[in-house]
Structures are given as C-alpha cells and as structure tokens.
Amino acid sequence: LGQSYQDYHCSEGEKHMECPVDPTMSITAVTHAKWYGAPAPLYCGPKTDEQPYSGFWDYGYECNKSWANPPETCDVYEGQKAGKFDQSRPYASTAGRTDVEGCCWWGRGVIQTSGVCNFGKLNYYLGARAA
C-alpha cells in the first residue's frame, strides 16, 4: 500500500498533539498470525552498523530440521514451524523503505490506530497528556 505511518502528520491546527518520531525507539508486537510459515510479530528499531536494513521474512524457509547436521530449529517465536528473517540484503517496502527505524506507529488493535497524528491525539485526549 505504500504507507509510512511515521509520515501520517496532523494538520497545522492539530500539530501540537502529534507524537514525535523517535529513531531510537524499539518495540515488538505481542500478537501475530499462527499459520505455517507466518511472519514474526511486527517490530521496529534503529538502524545499526551491523544491520543497516531490515530484509524480509522468508515464509517458505524450512527451519524445523532436527535431522540436519547441525540440527536446525525454528526459534524466532513460540510455536513457529517454518520461516525466517532474511537479512542478507536490503529489501525495499512498497514505500521504498529498507529499514524499520522510527516506524513504530503501525495500525494494530481493535481500533486500528496508526500514525504519529492518531496516536498523538489518542494520548492527548485519553492518555498521559490528558491529565
């Protein structure tokens, strides 16, 4: 879809409610799909010298190979049966991004809130900034 949640800004009159984009923020979602080869939970985090890009999830990778030498197991998340992160090269999203730095504002949960404006408004009216 070419979306960049950190670029969902408020109008000029509501800019004071925006959450700032923090390039050092790091977070991992709690929920995710459970089908065979399902990707790991969504995550975001800063680029590093060792990992300047995020790669992609290879859902077809067979990681449950107890017979291999050395044995291979699926260890990215509990209950995983297949798949792995392939971070051997940059892989651009439909928006052209090859990293997940500052992209911690994805639409999740029952109200599907997304972006620095919507999370900012939620915090402004109902969260810590409302007090």
Foldseek 3Di string as FASTA:
>chain_A
DLDQQQPPADDPVQNVLFDHQDLADKDFDDDFDQDALTDGTDIAGHADPVQNFFADKDSAAQQQAVPDVPGGHDDRDPNHGGIDGDRVDFDADPNGGRHRGSRPFAQDDDVRGGHRRRVSVCCCCPNDVVD
